[in-house]
Amino acid sequence: MVDFVEGEAFATVSNHVRALVRWHFLIELDDDERRLARLIAHMGEANRVGDKDEAIVQMTQEELSRLGFGARHRARRGLKSLQDQGLIELQYGQIFIPSVARLREYGFDGSILPLP
């Protein structure tokens, strides 16, 4: 019985260490574009358009830059890249997200899901 408990404890600690390392890489060592994608996807979750996977986030580039992206040009560069990939559409004072799921997937995994 002691072996089982020790093995279970080791597995639990091991799982927590793996999760911590993954979190560290996602947050600390990730590029601005993917961090921006995660942030916008998170805001999009609360601003969905009806029952669809679409969302509209009311936010300017200036406001985004104040959320930890440094100068406004860094936020603008990340937004442009996300728009070029079809993950968002920039509109005056807001960001339209055609698919929150696709944006979230890109933010966490770096991959882009196909449109439904």
PDB file of N, CA and C in Angstrom:
ATOM      1  N   MET A   1       0.817  -1.195   0.000  1.00  0.00           N
ATOM      2  CA  MET A   1       0.000   0.000   0.000  1.00  0.00           C
ATOM      3  C   MET A   1       0.860   1.259   0.000  1.00  0.00           C
ATOM      4  N   VAL A   2       1.976   1.222   0.646  1.00  0.00           N
ATOM      5  CA  VAL A   2       2.869   2.367   0.696  1.00  0.00           C
ATOM      6  C   VAL A   2       3.364   2.705  -0.709  1.00  0.00           C
ATOM      7  N   ASP A   3       3.691   1.690  -1.505  1.00  0.00           N
ATOM      8  CA  ASP A   3       4.163   1.921  -2.869  1.00  0.00           C
ATOM      9  C   ASP A   3       3.113   2.627  -3.709  1.00  0.00           C
ATOM     10  N   PHE A   4       1.850   2.229  -3.546  1.00  0.00           N
ATOM     11  CA  PHE A   4       0.771   2.854  -4.301  1.00  0.00           C
ATOM     12  C   PHE A   4       0.632   4.327  -3.944  1.00  0.00           C
ATOM     13  N   VAL A   5       0.662   4.646  -2.666  1.00  0.00           N
ATOM     14  CA  VAL A   5       0.520   6.030  -2.222  1.00  0.00           C
ATOM     15  C   VAL A   5       1.693   6.859  -2.720  1.00  0.00           C
ATOM     16  N   GLU A   6       2.905   6.334  -2.604  1.00  0.00           N
ATOM     17  CA  GLU A   6       4.073   7.067  -3.080  1.00  0.00           C
ATOM     18  C   GLU A   6       4.017   7.262  -4.587  1.00  0.00           C
ATOM     19  N   GLY A   7       3.600   6.240  -5.316  1.00  0.00           N
ATOM     20  CA  GLY A   7       3.463   6.351  -6.764  1.00  0.00           C
ATOM     21  C   GLY A   7       2.398   7.365  -7.150  1.00  0.00           C
ATOM     22  N   GLU A   8       1.305   7.379  -6.426  1.00  0.00           N
ATOM     23  CA  GLU A   8       0.226   8.335  -6.691  1.00  0.00           C
ATOM     24  C   GLU A   8       0.687   9.760  -6.390  1.00  0.00           C
ATOM     25  N   ALA A   9       1.409   9.923  -5.293  1.00  0.00           N
ATOM     26  CA  ALA A   9       1.926  11.245  -4.940  1.00  0.00           C
ATOM     27  C   ALA A   9       2.904  11.745  -5.994  1.00  0.00           C
ATOM     28  N   PHE A  10       3.774  10.845  -6.454  1.00  0.00           N
ATOM     29  CA  PHE A  10       4.731  11.224  -7.491  1.00  0.00           C
ATOM     30  C   PHE A  10       4.005  11.653  -8.762  1.00  0.00           C
ATOM     31  N   ALA A  11       2.970  10.897  -9.151  1.00  0.00           N
ATOM     32  CA  ALA A  11       2.207  11.232 -10.361  1.00  0.00           C
ATOM     33  C   ALA A  11       1.524  12.583 -10.210  1.00  0.00           C
ATOM     34  N   THR A  12       0.975  12.858  -9.038  1.00  0.00           N
ATOM     35  CA  THR A  12       0.299  14.137  -8.798  1.00  0.00           C
ATOM     36  C   THR A  12       1.287  15.298  -8.886  1.00  0.00           C
ATOM     37  N   VAL A  13       2.426  15.142  -8.224  1.00  0.00           N
ATOM     38  CA  VAL A  13       3.447  16.195  -8.266  1.00  0.00           C
ATOM     39  C   VAL A  13       3.953  16.367  -9.698  1.00  0.00           C
ATOM     40  N   SER A  14       4.181  15.281 -10.374  1.00  0.00           N
ATOM     41  CA  SER A  14       4.651  15.335 -11.758  1.00  0.00           C
ATOM     42  C   SER A  14       3.659  16.070 -12.662  1.00  0.00           C
ATOM     43  N   ASN A  15       2.389  15.784 -12.497  1.00  0.00           N
ATOM     44  CA  ASN A  15       1.359  16.467 -13.292  1.00  0.00           C
ATOM     45  C   ASN A  15       1.340  17.960 -13.007  1.00  0.00           C
ATOM     46  N   HIS A  16       1.492  18.330 -11.738  1.00  0.00           N
ATOM     47  CA  HIS A  16       1.505  19.756 -11.384  1.00  0.00           C
ATOM     48  C   HIS A  16       2.728  20.461 -11.956  1.00  0.00           C
ATOM     49  N   VAL A  17       3.865  19.792 -11.922  1.00  0.00           N
ATOM     50  CA  VAL A  17       5.082  20.394 -12.489  1.00  0.00           C
ATOM     51  C   VAL A  17       4.924  20.588 -13.994  1.00  0.00           C
ATOM     52  N   ARG A  18       4.380  19.589 -14.690  1.00  0.00           N
ATOM     53  CA  ARG A  18       4.146  19.723 -16.139  1.00  0.00           C
ATOM     54  C   ARG A  18       3.207  20.881 -16.437  1.00  0.00           C
ATOM     55  N   ALA A  19       2.143  21.009 -15.649  1.00  0.00           N
ATOM     56  CA  ALA A  19       1.188  22.106 -15.860  1.00  0.00           C
ATOM     57  C   ALA A  19       1.860  23.454 -15.613  1.00  0.00           C
ATOM     58  N   LEU A  20       2.684  23.533 -14.580  1.00  0.00           N
ATOM     59  CA  LEU A  20       3.385  24.775 -14.276  1.00  0.00           C
ATOM     60  C   LEU A  20       4.360  25.151 -15.384  1.00  0.00           C
ATOM     61  N   VAL A  21       5.096  24.180 -15.905  1.00  0.00           N
ATOM     62  CA  VAL A  21       6.036  24.450 -17.000  1.00  0.00           C
ATOM     63  C   VAL A  21       5.278  24.923 -18.236  1.00  0.00           C
ATOM     64  N   ARG A  22       4.149  24.264 -18.556  1.00  0.00           N
ATOM     65  CA  ARG A  22       3.340  24.675 -19.716  1.00  0.00           C
ATOM     66  C   ARG A  22       2.837  26.103 -19.535  1.00  0.00           C
ATOM     67  N   TRP A  23       2.335  26.401 -18.346  1.00  0.00           N
ATOM     68  CA  TRP A  23       1.849  27.751 -18.068  1.00  0.00           C
ATOM     69  C   TRP A  23       2.970  28.762 -18.230  1.00  0.00           C
ATOM     70  N   HIS A  24       4.143  28.439 -17.722  1.00  0.00           N
ATOM     71  CA  HIS A  24       5.282  29.346 -17.831  1.00  0.00           C
ATOM     72  C   HIS A  24       5.604  29.657 -19.291  1.00  0.00           C
ATOM     73  N   PHE A  25       5.635  28.633 -20.129  1.00  0.00           N
ATOM     74  CA  PHE A  25       5.938  28.856 -21.534  1.00  0.00           C
ATOM     75  C   PHE A  25       4.834  29.641 -22.223  1.00  0.00           C
ATOM     76  N   LEU A  26       3.584  29.386 -21.865  1.00  0.00           N
ATOM     77  CA  LEU A  26       2.481  30.115 -22.491  1.00  0.00           C
ATOM     78  C   LEU A  26       2.498  31.587 -22.109  1.00  0.00           C
ATOM     79  N   ILE A  27       2.779  31.872 -20.854  1.00  0.00           N
ATOM     80  CA  ILE A  27       2.679  33.245 -20.366  1.00  0.00           C
ATOM     81  C   ILE A  27       3.987  34.030 -20.541  1.00  0.00           C
ATOM     82  N   GLU A  28       5.074  33.474 -20.072  1.00  0.00           N
ATOM     83  CA  GLU A  28       6.315  34.233 -20.012  1.00  0.00           C
ATOM     84  C   GLU A  28       7.120  34.241 -21.301  1.00  0.00           C
ATOM     85  N   LEU A  29       7.163  33.139 -22.003  1.00  0.00           N
ATOM     86  CA  LEU A  29       8.046  33.039 -23.154  1.00  0.00           C
ATOM     87  C   LEU A  29       7.317  33.116 -24.488  1.00  0.00           C
ATOM     88  N   ASP A  30       6.048  33.376 -24.439  1.00  0.00           N
ATOM     89  CA  ASP A  30       5.240  33.390 -25.647  1.00  0.00           C
ATOM     90  C   ASP A  30       5.396  34.716 -26.384  1.00  0.00           C
ATOM     91  N   ASP A  31       5.061  34.700 -27.664  1.00  0.00           N
ATOM     92  CA  ASP A  31       5.151  35.944 -28.418  1.00  0.00           C
ATOM     93  C   ASP A  31       3.908  36.803 -28.179  1.00  0.00           C
ATOM     94  N   ASP A  32       4.061  38.070 -28.484  1.00  0.00           N
ATOM     95  CA  ASP A  32       2.982  39.029 -28.250  1.00  0.00           C
ATOM     96  C   ASP A  32       1.708  38.679 -29.010  1.00  0.00           C
ATOM     97  N   GLU A  33       1.868  38.168 -30.217  1.00  0.00           N
ATOM     98  CA  GLU A  33       0.701  37.878 -31.054  1.00  0.00           C
ATOM     99  C   GLU A  33      -0.191  36.811 -30.419  1.00  0.00           C
ATOM    100  N   ARG A  34       0.397  35.767 -29.914  1.00  0.00           N
ATOM    101  CA  ARG A  34      -0.399  34.705 -29.290  1.00  0.00           C
ATOM    102  C   ARG A  34      -0.986  35.170 -27.963  1.00  0.00           C
ATOM    103  N   ARG A  35      -0.237  35.957 -27.195  1.00  0.00           N
ATOM    104  CA  ARG A  35      -0.805  36.514 -25.958  1.00  0.00           C
ATOM    105  C   ARG A  35      -1.984  37.419 -26.285  1.00  0.00           C
ATOM    106  N   LEU A  36      -1.839  38.214 -27.332  1.00  0.00           N
ATOM    107  CA  LEU A  36      -2.919  39.094 -27.765  1.00  0.00           C
ATOM    108  C   LEU A  36      -4.134  38.278 -28.205  1.00  0.00           C
ATOM    109  N   ALA A  37      -3.909  37.193 -28.929  1.00  0.00           N
ATOM    110  CA  ALA A  37      -5.006  36.329 -29.370  1.00  0.00           C
ATOM    111  C   ALA A  37      -5.756  35.762 -28.170  1.00  0.00           C
ATOM    112  N   ARG A  38      -5.023  35.313 -27.150  1.00  0.00           N
ATOM    113  CA  ARG A  38      -5.675  34.768 -25.955  1.00  0.00           C
ATOM    114  C   ARG A  38      -6.485  35.836 -25.239  1.00  0.00           C
ATOM    115  N   LEU A  39      -5.922  37.034 -25.132  1.00  0.00           N
ATOM    116  CA  LEU A  39      -6.622  38.127 -24.458  1.00  0.00           C
ATOM    117  C   LEU A  39      -7.917  38.486 -25.187  1.00  0.00           C
ATOM    118  N   ILE A  40      -7.841  38.647 -26.493  1.00  0.00           N
ATOM    119  CA  ILE A  40      -9.027  39.023 -27.270  1.00  0.00           C
ATOM    120  C   ILE A  40     -10.058  37.897 -27.243  1.00  0.00           C
ATOM    121  N   ALA A  41      -9.609  36.652 -27.326  1.00  0.00           N
ATOM    122  CA  ALA A  41     -10.538  35.516 -27.258  1.00  0.00           C
ATOM    123  C   ALA A  41     -11.245  35.492 -25.911  1.00  0.00           C
ATOM    124  N   HIS A  42     -10.505  35.759 -24.844  1.00  0.00           N
ATOM    125  CA  HIS A  42     -11.107  35.794 -23.509  1.00  0.00           C
ATOM    126  C   HIS A  42     -12.180  36.883 -23.425  1.00  0.00           C
ATOM    127  N   MET A  43     -11.869  38.055 -23.935  1.00  0.00           N
ATOM    128  CA  MET A  43     -12.862  39.137 -23.933  1.00  0.00           C
ATOM    129  C   MET A  43     -14.036  38.790 -24.838  1.00  0.00           C
ATOM    130  N   GLY A  44     -13.764  38.082 -25.931  1.00  0.00           N
ATOM    131  CA  GLY A  44     -14.820  37.683 -26.848  1.00  0.00           C
ATOM    132  C   GLY A  44     -15.797  36.704 -26.230  1.00  0.00           C
ATOM    133  N   GLU A  45     -15.323  35.876 -25.299  1.00  0.00           N
ATOM    134  CA  GLU A  45     -16.203  34.917 -24.627  1.00  0.00           C
ATOM    135  C   GLU A  45     -17.386  35.635 -23.973  1.00  0.00           C
ATOM    136  N   ALA A  46     -17.130  36.795 -23.412  1.00  0.00           N
ATOM    137  CA  ALA A  46     -18.179  37.539 -22.709  1.00  0.00           C
ATOM    138  C   ALA A  46     -18.990  38.438 -23.644  1.00  0.00           C
ATOM    139  N   ASN A  47     -18.587  38.530 -24.894  1.00  0.00           N
ATOM    140  CA  ASN A  47     -19.251  39.448 -25.828  1.00  0.00           C
ATOM    141  C   ASN A  47     -19.722  38.739 -27.088  1.00  0.00           C
ATOM    142  N   ARG A  48     -20.175  37.513 -26.935  1.00  0.00           N
ATOM    143  CA  ARG A  48     -20.658  36.752 -28.097  1.00  0.00           C
ATOM    144  C   ARG A  48     -21.898  37.398 -28.687  1.00  0.00           C
ATOM    145  N   VAL A  49     -22.058  37.196 -29.986  1.00  0.00           N
ATOM    146  CA  VAL A  49     -23.219  37.700 -30.706  1.00  0.00           C
ATOM    147  C   VAL A  49     -24.267  36.589 -30.708  1.00  0.00           C
ATOM    148  N   GLY A  50     -25.246  36.689 -29.825  1.00  0.00           N
ATOM    149  CA  GLY A  50     -26.289  35.672 -29.730  1.00  0.00           C
ATOM    150  C   GLY A  50     -25.716  34.311 -29.386  1.00  0.00           C
ATOM    151  N   ASP A  51     -26.190  33.280 -30.080  1.00  0.00           N
ATOM    152  CA  ASP A  51     -25.731  31.906 -29.851  1.00  0.00           C
ATOM    153  C   ASP A  51     -24.563  31.537 -30.747  1.00  0.00           C
ATOM    154  N   LYS A  52     -24.101  32.461 -31.550  1.00  0.00           N
ATOM    155  CA  LYS A  52     -23.022  32.180 -32.504  1.00  0.00           C
ATOM    156  C   LYS A  52     -21.666  32.190 -31.811  1.00  0.00           C
ATOM    157  N   ASP A  53     -20.648  31.743 -32.539  1.00  0.00           N
ATOM    158  CA  ASP A  53     -19.271  31.761 -32.050  1.00  0.00           C
ATOM    159  C   ASP A  53     -18.611  33.111 -32.342  1.00  0.00           C
ATOM    160  N   GLU A  54     -19.365  34.034 -32.910  1.00  0.00           N
ATOM    161  CA  GLU A  54     -18.849  35.372 -33.227  1.00  0.00           C
ATOM    162  C   GLU A  54     -18.907  36.255 -31.987  1.00  0.00           C
ATOM    163  N   ALA A  55     -18.057  37.272 -31.983  1.00  0.00           N
ATOM    164  CA  ALA A  55     -18.062  38.220 -30.864  1.00  0.00           C
ATOM    165  C   ALA A  55     -17.581  39.577 -31.358  1.00  0.00           C
ATOM    166  N   ILE A  56     -17.975  40.605 -30.633  1.00  0.00           N
ATOM    167  CA  ILE A  56     -17.495  41.963 -30.884  1.00  0.00           C
ATOM    168  C   ILE A  56     -16.928  42.487 -29.573  1.00  0.00           C
ATOM    169  N   VAL A  57     -15.672  42.903 -29.620  1.00  0.00           N
ATOM    170  CA  VAL A  57     -14.986  43.445 -28.451  1.00  0.00           C
ATOM    171  C   VAL A  57     -14.797  44.937 -28.677  1.00  0.00           C
ATOM    172  N   GLN A  58     -15.368  45.735 -27.787  1.00  0.00           N
ATOM    173  CA  GLN A  58     -15.233  47.185 -27.862  1.00  0.00           C
ATOM    174  C   GLN A  58     -13.915  47.588 -27.202  1.00  0.00           C
ATOM    175  N   MET A  59     -12.889  47.825 -28.009  1.00  0.00           N
ATOM    176  CA  MET A  59     -11.591  48.190 -27.466  1.00  0.00           C
ATOM    177  C   MET A  59     -10.733  48.811 -28.552  1.00  0.00           C
ATOM    178  N   THR A  60      -9.999  49.842 -28.189  1.00  0.00           N
ATOM    179  CA  THR A  60      -9.111  50.505 -29.140  1.00  0.00           C
ATOM    180  C   THR A  60      -7.692  49.936 -29.007  1.00  0.00           C
ATOM    181  N   GLN A  61      -6.850  50.251 -29.974  1.00  0.00           N
ATOM    182  CA  GLN A  61      -5.453  49.827 -29.922  1.00  0.00           C
ATOM    183  C   GLN A  61      -4.752  50.447 -28.719  1.00  0.00           C
ATOM    184  N   GLU A  62      -5.103  51.666 -28.402  1.00  0.00           N
ATOM    185  CA  GLU A  62      -4.521  52.349 -27.241  1.00  0.00           C
ATOM    186  C   GLU A  62      -4.859  51.598 -25.949  1.00  0.00           C
ATOM    187  N   GLU A  63      -6.112  51.184 -25.813  1.00  0.00           N
ATOM    188  CA  GLU A  63      -6.520  50.439 -24.622  1.00  0.00           C
ATOM    189  C   GLU A  63      -5.809  49.089 -24.545  1.00  0.00           C
ATOM    190  N   LEU A  64      -5.669  48.425 -25.683  1.00  0.00           N
ATOM    191  CA  LEU A  64      -4.936  47.149 -25.704  1.00  0.00           C
ATOM    192  C   LEU A  64      -3.491  47.333 -25.282  1.00  0.00           C
ATOM    193  N   SER A  65      -2.868  48.387 -25.750  1.00  0.00           N
ATOM    194  CA  SER A  65      -1.463  48.615 -25.406  1.00  0.00           C
ATOM    195  C   SER A  65      -1.294  48.841 -23.907  1.00  0.00           C
ATOM    196  N   ARG A  66      -2.296  49.407 -23.261  1.00  0.00           N
ATOM    197  CA  ARG A  66      -2.239  49.628 -21.808  1.00  0.00           C
ATOM    198  C   ARG A  66      -2.386  48.323 -21.023  1.00  0.00           C
ATOM    199  N   LEU A  67      -2.849  47.282 -21.667  1.00  0.00           N
ATOM    200  CA  LEU A  67      -3.035  45.996 -20.986  1.00  0.00           C
ATOM    201  C   LEU A  67      -1.778  45.135 -21.010  1.00  0.00           C
ATOM    202  N   GLY A  68      -0.651  45.734 -21.295  1.00  0.00           N
ATOM    203  CA  GLY A  68       0.598  44.994 -21.187  1.00  0.00           C
ATOM    204  C   GLY A  68       1.312  44.724 -22.492  1.00  0.00           C
ATOM    205  N   PHE A  69       0.930  45.414 -23.556  1.00  0.00           N
ATOM    206  CA  PHE A  69       1.596  45.182 -24.836  1.00  0.00           C
ATOM    207  C   PHE A  69       2.533  46.328 -25.189  1.00  0.00           C
ATOM    208  N   GLY A  70       2.848  47.149 -24.202  1.00  0.00           N
ATOM    209  CA  GLY A  70       3.800  48.225 -24.437  1.00  0.00           C
ATOM    210  C   GLY A  70       3.249  49.307 -25.338  1.00  0.00           C
ATOM    211  N   ALA A  71       4.066  49.742 -26.268  1.00  0.00           N
ATOM    212  CA  ALA A  71       3.673  50.822 -27.177  1.00  0.00           C
ATOM    213  C   ALA A  71       2.526  50.378 -28.089  1.00  0.00           C
ATOM    214  N   ARG A  72       1.778  51.356 -28.547  1.00  0.00           N
ATOM    215  CA  ARG A  72       0.623  51.087 -29.396  1.00  0.00           C
ATOM    216  C   ARG A  72       1.012  50.369 -30.682  1.00  0.00           C
ATOM    217  N   HIS A  73       2.203  50.635 -31.207  1.00  0.00           N
ATOM    218  CA  HIS A  73       2.613  49.990 -32.455  1.00  0.00           C
ATOM    219  C   HIS A  73       2.779  48.480 -32.281  1.00  0.00           C
ATOM    220  N   ARG A  74       3.149  48.012 -31.076  1.00  0.00           N
ATOM    221  CA  ARG A  74       3.236  46.563 -30.837  1.00  0.00           C
ATOM    222  C   ARG A  74       1.863  45.916 -30.891  1.00  0.00           C
ATOM    223  N   ALA A  75       0.884  46.572 -30.277  1.00  0.00           N
ATOM    224  CA  ALA A  75      -0.492  46.056 -30.326  1.00  0.00           C
ATOM    225  C   ALA A  75      -1.000  46.078 -31.761  1.00  0.00           C
ATOM    226  N   ARG A  76      -0.724  47.158 -32.481  1.00  0.00           N
ATOM    227  CA  ARG A  76      -1.176  47.299 -33.871  1.00  0.00           C
ATOM    228  C   ARG A  76      -0.564  46.205 -34.752  1.00  0.00           C
ATOM    229  N   ARG A  77       0.712  45.924 -34.558  1.00  0.00           N
ATOM    230  CA  ARG A  77       1.386  44.891 -35.347  1.00  0.00           C
ATOM    231  C   ARG A  77       0.751  43.517 -35.094  1.00  0.00           C
ATOM    232  N   GLY A  78       0.481  43.201 -33.832  1.00  0.00           N
ATOM    233  CA  GLY A  78      -0.163  41.927 -33.502  1.00  0.00           C
ATOM    234  C   GLY A  78      -1.567  41.836 -34.054  1.00  0.00           C
ATOM    235  N   LEU A  79      -2.333  42.930 -33.958  1.00  0.00           N
ATOM    236  CA  LEU A  79      -3.700  42.952 -34.492  1.00  0.00           C
ATOM    237  C   LEU A  79      -3.695  42.754 -36.006  1.00  0.00           C
ATOM    238  N   LYS A  80      -2.757  43.410 -36.679  1.00  0.00           N
ATOM    239  CA  LYS A  80      -2.676  43.285 -38.137  1.00  0.00           C
ATOM    240  C   LYS A  80      -2.383  41.846 -38.542  1.00  0.00           C
ATOM    241  N   SER A  81      -1.476  41.205 -37.826  1.00  0.00           N
ATOM    242  CA  SER A  81      -1.145  39.819 -38.129  1.00  0.00           C
ATOM    243  C   SER A  81      -2.348  38.906 -37.906  1.00  0.00           C
ATOM    244  N   LEU A  82      -3.071  39.110 -36.816  1.00  0.00           N
ATOM    245  CA  LEU A  82      -4.270  38.304 -36.549  1.00  0.00           C
ATOM    246  C   LEU A  82      -5.333  38.540 -37.615  1.00  0.00           C
ATOM    247  N   GLN A  83      -5.441  39.783 -38.072  1.00  0.00           N
ATOM    248  CA  GLN A  83      -6.403  40.098 -39.129  1.00  0.00           C
ATOM    249  C   GLN A  83      -5.983  39.448 -40.450  1.00  0.00           C
ATOM    250  N   ASP A  84      -4.699  39.504 -40.777  1.00  0.00           N
ATOM    251  CA  ASP A  84      -4.207  38.897 -42.019  1.00  0.00           C
ATOM    252  C   ASP A  84      -4.468  37.385 -42.064  1.00  0.00           C
ATOM    253  N   GLN A  85      -4.529  36.758 -40.898  1.00  0.00           N
ATOM    254  CA  GLN A  85      -4.795  35.324 -40.820  1.00  0.00           C
ATOM    255  C   GLN A  85      -6.297  35.012 -40.771  1.00  0.00           C
ATOM    256  N   GLY A  86      -7.116  36.057 -40.795  1.00  0.00           N
ATOM    257  CA  GLY A  86      -8.562  35.860 -40.788  1.00  0.00           C
ATOM    258  C   GLY A  86      -9.145  35.548 -39.423  1.00  0.00           C
ATOM    259  N   LEU A  87      -8.379  35.786 -38.364  1.00  0.00           N
ATOM    260  CA  LEU A  87      -8.852  35.471 -37.018  1.00  0.00           C
ATOM    261  C   LEU A  87      -9.679  36.588 -36.404  1.00  0.00           C
ATOM    262  N   ILE A  88      -9.436  37.824 -36.832  1.00  0.00           N
ATOM    263  CA  ILE A  88     -10.208  38.975 -36.367  1.00  0.00           C
ATOM    264  C   ILE A  88     -10.420  39.931 -37.538  1.00  0.00           C
ATOM    265  N   GLU A  89     -11.362  40.847 -37.364  1.00  0.00           N
ATOM    266  CA  GLU A  89     -11.560  41.940 -38.312  1.00  0.00           C
ATOM    267  C   GLU A  89     -11.543  43.234 -37.505  1.00  0.00           C
ATOM    268  N   LEU A  90     -10.629  44.122 -37.866  1.00  0.00           N
ATOM    269  CA  LEU A  90     -10.525  45.390 -37.160  1.00  0.00           C
ATOM    270  C   LEU A  90     -11.556  46.366 -37.693  1.00  0.00           C
ATOM    271  N   GLN A  91     -12.284  46.984 -36.784  1.00  0.00           N
ATOM    272  CA  GLN A  91     -13.255  48.009 -37.114  1.00  0.00           C
ATOM    273  C   GLN A  91     -12.969  49.191 -36.202  1.00  0.00           C
ATOM    274  N   TYR A  92     -13.540  50.332 -36.500  1.00  0.00           N
ATOM    275  CA  TYR A  92     -13.257  51.528 -35.707  1.00  0.00           C
ATOM    276  C   TYR A  92     -13.698  51.322 -34.255  1.00  0.00           C
ATOM    277  N   GLY A  93     -12.730  51.314 -33.329  1.00  0.00           N
ATOM    278  CA  GLY A  93     -13.019  51.207 -31.911  1.00  0.00           C
ATOM    279  C   GLY A  93     -13.469  49.839 -31.445  1.00  0.00           C
ATOM    280  N   GLN A  94     -13.401  48.852 -32.317  1.00  0.00           N
ATOM    281  CA  GLN A  94     -13.818  47.517 -31.909  1.00  0.00           C
ATOM    282  C   GLN A  94     -13.121  46.447 -32.742  1.00  0.00           C
ATOM    283  N   ILE A  95     -13.217  45.232 -32.246  1.00  0.00           N
ATOM    284  CA  ILE A  95     -12.624  44.075 -32.917  1.00  0.00           C
ATOM    285  C   ILE A  95     -13.729  43.046 -33.109  1.00  0.00           C
ATOM    286  N   PHE A  96     -13.953  42.646 -34.352  1.00  0.00           N
ATOM    287  CA  PHE A  96     -14.929  41.606 -34.640  1.00  0.00           C
ATOM    288  C   PHE A  96     -14.191  40.276 -34.706  1.00  0.00           C
ATOM    289  N   ILE A  97     -14.703  39.283 -33.993  1.00  0.00           N
ATOM    290  CA  ILE A  97     -14.107  37.946 -33.979  1.00  0.00           C
ATOM    291  C   ILE A  97     -15.073  37.002 -34.687  1.00  0.00           C
ATOM    292  N   PRO A  98     -14.743  36.530 -35.894  1.00  0.00           N
ATOM    293  CA  PRO A  98     -15.634  35.625 -36.614  1.00  0.00           C
ATOM    294  C   PRO A  98     -15.823  34.285 -35.903  1.00  0.00           C
ATOM    295  N   SER A  99     -14.781  33.815 -35.191  1.00  0.00           N
ATOM    296  CA  SER A  99     -14.866  32.552 -34.454  1.00  0.00           C
ATOM    297  C   SER A  99     -13.978  32.636 -33.217  1.00  0.00           C
ATOM    298  N   VAL A 100     -14.614  32.729 -32.063  1.00  0.00           N
ATOM    299  CA  VAL A 100     -13.868  32.793 -30.807  1.00  0.00           C
ATOM    300  C   VAL A 100     -13.057  31.511 -30.618  1.00  0.00           C
ATOM    301  N   ALA A 101     -13.630  30.369 -31.004  1.00  0.00           N
ATOM    302  CA  ALA A 101     -12.932  29.085 -30.851  1.00  0.00           C
ATOM    303  C   ALA A 101     -11.638  29.049 -31.666  1.00  0.00           C
ATOM    304  N   ARG A 102     -11.674  29.540 -32.898  1.00  0.00           N
ATOM    305  CA  ARG A 102     -10.469  29.558 -33.742  1.00  0.00           C
ATOM    306  C   ARG A 102      -9.402  30.473 -33.144  1.00  0.00           C
ATOM    307  N   LEU A 103      -9.828  31.630 -32.653  1.00  0.00           N
ATOM    308  CA  LEU A 103      -8.882  32.579 -32.072  1.00  0.00           C
ATOM    309  C   LEU A 103      -8.260  32.000 -30.802  1.00  0.00           C
ATOM    310  N   ARG A 104      -9.084  31.380 -29.961  1.00  0.00           N
ATOM    311  CA  ARG A 104      -8.589  30.756 -28.735  1.00  0.00           C
ATOM    312  C   ARG A 104      -7.603  29.637 -29.069  1.00  0.00           C
ATOM    313  N   GLU A 105      -7.943  28.808 -30.035  1.00  0.00           N
ATOM    314  CA  GLU A 105      -7.066  27.700 -30.437  1.00  0.00           C
ATOM    315  C   GLU A 105      -5.710  28.231 -30.904  1.00  0.00           C
ATOM    316  N   TYR A 106      -5.720  29.276 -31.695  1.00  0.00           N
ATOM    317  CA  TYR A 106      -4.472  29.867 -32.159  1.00  0.00           C
ATOM    318  C   TYR A 106      -3.674  30.421 -30.975  1.00  0.00           C
ATOM    319  N   GLY A 107      -4.357  31.074 -30.058  1.00  0.00           N
ATOM    320  CA  GLY A 107      -3.674  31.665 -28.903  1.00  0.00           C
ATOM    321  C   GLY A 107      -2.991  30.642 -28.015  1.00  0.00           C
ATOM    322  N   PHE A 108      -3.597  29.477 -27.861  1.00  0.00           N
ATOM    323  CA  PHE A 108      -3.023  28.467 -26.978  1.00  0.00           C
ATOM    324  C   PHE A 108      -2.121  27.475 -27.691  1.00  0.00           C
ATOM    325  N   ASP A 109      -2.471  27.102 -28.913  1.00  0.00           N
ATOM    326  CA  ASP A 109      -1.713  26.055 -29.588  1.00  0.00           C
ATOM    327  C   ASP A 109      -0.909  26.531 -30.790  1.00  0.00           C
ATOM    328  N   GLY A 110      -1.166  27.733 -31.260  1.00  0.00           N
ATOM    329  CA  GLY A 110      -0.451  28.222 -32.434  1.00  0.00           C
ATOM    330  C   GLY A 110      -1.003  27.679 -33.731  1.00  0.00           C
ATOM    331  N   SER A 111      -2.100  26.936 -33.635  1.00  0.00           N
ATOM    332  CA  SER A 111      -2.709  26.395 -34.855  1.00  0.00           C
ATOM    333  C   SER A 111      -4.030  27.101 -35.106  1.00  0.00           C
ATOM    334  N   ILE A 112      -4.478  27.036 -36.348  1.00  0.00           N
ATOM    335  CA  ILE A 112      -5.727  27.690 -36.721  1.00  0.00           C
ATOM    336  C   ILE A 112      -6.706  26.620 -37.173  1.00  0.00           C
ATOM    337  N   LEU A 113      -7.832  26.546 -36.481  1.00  0.00           N
ATOM    338  CA  LEU A 113      -8.878  25.603 -36.859  1.00  0.00           C
ATOM    339  C   LEU A 113      -9.527  26.050 -38.145  1.00  0.00           C
ATOM    340  N   PRO A 114      -9.989  25.109 -38.971  1.00  0.00           N
ATOM    341  CA  PRO A 114     -10.707  25.507 -40.178  1.00  0.00           C
ATOM    342  C   PRO A 114     -12.064  26.116 -39.830  1.00  0.00           C
ATOM    343  N   LEU A 115     -12.539  26.988 -40.669  1.00  0.00           N
ATOM    344  CA  LEU A 115     -13.862  27.567 -40.447  1.00  0.00           C
ATOM    345  C   LEU A 115     -14.909  26.478 -40.601  1.00  0.00           C
ATOM    346  N   PRO A 116     -15.993  26.548 -39.806  1.00  0.00           N
ATOM    347  CA  PRO A 116     -17.055  25.531 -39.918  1.00  0.00           C
ATOM    348  C   PRO A 116     -17.798  25.641 -41.222  1.00  0.00           C
TER     349      PRO A 116
END
